[in-house]
Amino acid sequence: MTLGVRACLPRGIPAILPGERLTEPVLTYLRTGVQAGMNLPDAADPTVTAVRVVK
């Protein structure tokens, strides 16, 4: 589950909200956006190659 909102910029609809499960399709969407030059604000890893897991 996520602890924060994640959305690519330019501004748009968040890809994931706090409490939602982080699924492979969401990760693929975020990675594709970053590869296309979009900014992923406030991410621990802005390239989305690693995901921090908190239990």
N, C-alpha and C. Protein backbone atom coordinates (compact mmCIF):
# COMPACT_ATOMS: atom_id res chain seq x y z
N MET A 1 0.83 -1.17 0.00
CA MET A 1 0.00 0.00 0.00
C MET A 1 0.88 1.24 0.00
N THR A 2 0.37 2.28 -0.58
CA THR A 2 1.15 3.50 -0.65
C THR A 2 0.87 4.39 0.55
N LEU A 3 1.85 5.24 0.84
CA LEU A 3 1.70 6.20 1.92
C LEU A 3 1.48 7.60 1.38
N GLY A 4 1.65 7.79 0.08
CA GLY A 4 1.50 9.11 -0.51
C GLY A 4 0.89 9.03 -1.89
N VAL A 5 0.55 10.19 -2.41
CA VAL A 5 -0.03 10.29 -3.75
C VAL A 5 1.11 10.26 -4.76
N ARG A 6 0.95 9.54 -5.85
CA ARG A 6 1.93 9.51 -6.92
C ARG A 6 1.23 9.84 -8.23
N ALA A 7 1.72 10.85 -8.90
CA ALA A 7 1.19 11.25 -10.20
C ALA A 7 2.33 11.84 -11.01
N CYS A 8 2.34 11.57 -12.28
CA CYS A 8 3.34 12.17 -13.16
C CYS A 8 2.93 13.61 -13.44
N LEU A 9 3.93 14.45 -13.68
CA LEU A 9 3.65 15.83 -14.06
C LEU A 9 3.98 15.99 -15.53
N PRO A 10 3.30 16.76 -16.33
CA PRO A 10 2.37 17.80 -15.90
C PRO A 10 1.20 17.22 -15.15
N ARG A 11 0.60 18.07 -14.34
CA ARG A 11 -0.46 17.64 -13.43
C ARG A 11 -1.54 16.83 -14.13
N GLY A 12 -2.01 15.87 -13.39
CA GLY A 12 -3.05 15.00 -13.92
C GLY A 12 -3.74 14.28 -12.78
N ILE A 13 -4.42 13.25 -13.11
CA ILE A 13 -5.10 12.43 -12.12
C ILE A 13 -4.06 11.55 -11.44
N PRO A 14 -4.05 11.47 -10.11
CA PRO A 14 -3.07 10.63 -9.43
C PRO A 14 -3.16 9.17 -9.90
N ALA A 15 -2.01 8.55 -10.05
CA ALA A 15 -1.96 7.15 -10.46
C ALA A 15 -2.28 6.24 -9.28
N ILE A 16 -1.98 6.71 -8.09
CA ILE A 16 -2.22 5.91 -6.88
C ILE A 16 -2.37 6.85 -5.69
N LEU A 17 -3.21 6.46 -4.76
CA LEU A 17 -3.49 7.26 -3.58
C LEU A 17 -3.08 6.51 -2.32
N PRO A 18 -2.91 7.21 -1.20
CA PRO A 18 -2.54 6.53 0.04
C PRO A 18 -3.51 5.40 0.38
N GLY A 19 -2.96 4.26 0.75
CA GLY A 19 -3.76 3.10 1.14
C GLY A 19 -4.03 2.12 0.01
N GLU A 20 -3.78 2.52 -1.23
CA GLU A 20 -4.01 1.61 -2.36
C GLU A 20 -2.82 0.68 -2.53
N ARG A 21 -3.09 -0.49 -3.09
CA ARG A 21 -2.02 -1.44 -3.42
C ARG A 21 -1.29 -0.97 -4.67
N LEU A 22 0.03 -1.09 -4.63
CA LEU A 22 0.86 -0.71 -5.77
C LEU A 22 0.99 -1.92 -6.68
N THR A 23 0.32 -1.89 -7.83
CA THR A 23 0.28 -3.04 -8.74
C THR A 23 1.25 -2.84 -9.90
N GLU A 24 1.54 -3.90 -10.61
CA GLU A 24 2.45 -3.84 -11.75
C GLU A 24 1.96 -2.88 -12.84
N PRO A 25 0.66 -2.86 -13.18
CA PRO A 25 0.21 -1.89 -14.18
C PRO A 25 0.45 -0.43 -13.77
N VAL A 26 0.30 -0.13 -12.48
CA VAL A 26 0.57 1.23 -12.00
C VAL A 26 2.06 1.54 -12.11
N LEU A 27 2.90 0.59 -11.70
CA LEU A 27 4.35 0.79 -11.83
C LEU A 27 4.75 0.99 -13.28
N THR A 28 4.18 0.20 -14.17
CA THR A 28 4.47 0.33 -15.60
C THR A 28 4.07 1.71 -16.11
N TYR A 29 2.89 2.18 -15.71
CA TYR A 29 2.43 3.51 -16.10
C TYR A 29 3.39 4.59 -15.63
N LEU A 30 3.80 4.52 -14.35
CA LEU A 30 4.71 5.52 -13.81
C LEU A 30 6.07 5.47 -14.49
N ARG A 31 6.60 4.26 -14.71
CA ARG A 31 7.90 4.13 -15.37
C ARG A 31 7.85 4.65 -16.80
N THR A 32 6.78 4.35 -17.52
CA THR A 32 6.63 4.82 -18.89
C THR A 32 6.57 6.35 -18.93
N GLY A 33 5.85 6.93 -17.98
CA GLY A 33 5.78 8.39 -17.91
C GLY A 33 7.13 9.02 -17.64
N VAL A 34 7.89 8.45 -16.72
CA VAL A 34 9.22 8.96 -16.40
C VAL A 34 10.13 8.84 -17.62
N GLN A 35 10.08 7.70 -18.32
CA GLN A 35 10.91 7.50 -19.51
C GLN A 35 10.56 8.49 -20.61
N ALA A 36 9.30 8.95 -20.63
CA ALA A 36 8.86 9.91 -21.65
C ALA A 36 9.20 11.34 -21.24
N GLY A 37 9.81 11.51 -20.07
CA GLY A 37 10.24 12.84 -19.66
C GLY A 37 9.36 13.51 -18.61
N MET A 38 8.38 12.79 -18.09
CA MET A 38 7.53 13.37 -17.05
C MET A 38 8.25 13.36 -15.71
N ASN A 39 7.90 14.32 -14.87
CA ASN A 39 8.48 14.44 -13.54
C ASN A 39 7.61 13.70 -12.54
N LEU A 40 8.22 12.96 -11.64
CA LEU A 40 7.49 12.26 -10.59
C LEU A 40 7.88 12.91 -9.26
N PRO A 41 7.11 13.91 -8.82
CA PRO A 41 7.50 14.69 -7.64
C PRO A 41 7.44 13.90 -6.34
N ASP A 42 8.36 14.22 -5.45
CA ASP A 42 8.38 13.68 -4.08
C ASP A 42 8.58 12.18 -4.00
N ALA A 43 9.04 11.55 -5.05
CA ALA A 43 9.29 10.10 -5.01
C ALA A 43 10.67 9.85 -4.39
N ALA A 44 10.78 8.81 -3.56
CA ALA A 44 12.07 8.43 -2.99
C ALA A 44 13.03 8.05 -4.11
N ASP A 45 12.52 7.40 -5.15
CA ASP A 45 13.30 7.04 -6.33
C ASP A 45 12.56 7.57 -7.55
N PRO A 46 12.92 8.74 -8.05
CA PRO A 46 12.17 9.35 -9.17
C PRO A 46 12.24 8.56 -10.48
N THR A 47 13.12 7.56 -10.56
CA THR A 47 13.17 6.73 -11.77
C THR A 47 12.23 5.53 -11.68
N VAL A 48 11.68 5.28 -10.52
CA VAL A 48 10.75 4.18 -10.23
C VAL A 48 11.41 2.82 -10.52
N THR A 49 12.72 2.73 -10.27
CA THR A 49 13.39 1.43 -10.42
C THR A 49 13.37 0.65 -9.11
N ALA A 50 13.15 1.35 -8.01
CA ALA A 50 13.06 0.71 -6.69
C ALA A 50 11.84 1.26 -5.97
N VAL A 51 11.23 0.42 -5.17
CA VAL A 51 10.05 0.81 -4.40
C VAL A 51 10.35 0.53 -2.94
N ARG A 52 10.16 1.54 -2.10
CA ARG A 52 10.38 1.37 -0.66
C ARG A 52 9.14 0.71 -0.06
N VAL A 53 9.37 -0.40 0.67
CA VAL A 53 8.27 -1.14 1.29
C VAL A 53 8.29 -0.86 2.79
N VAL A 54 7.14 -0.46 3.31
CA VAL A 54 7.02 -0.17 4.75
C VAL A 54 5.94 -1.11 5.29
N LYS A 55 6.28 -1.83 6.35
CA LYS A 55 5.30 -2.76 6.94
C LYS A 55 4.59 -2.09 8.09
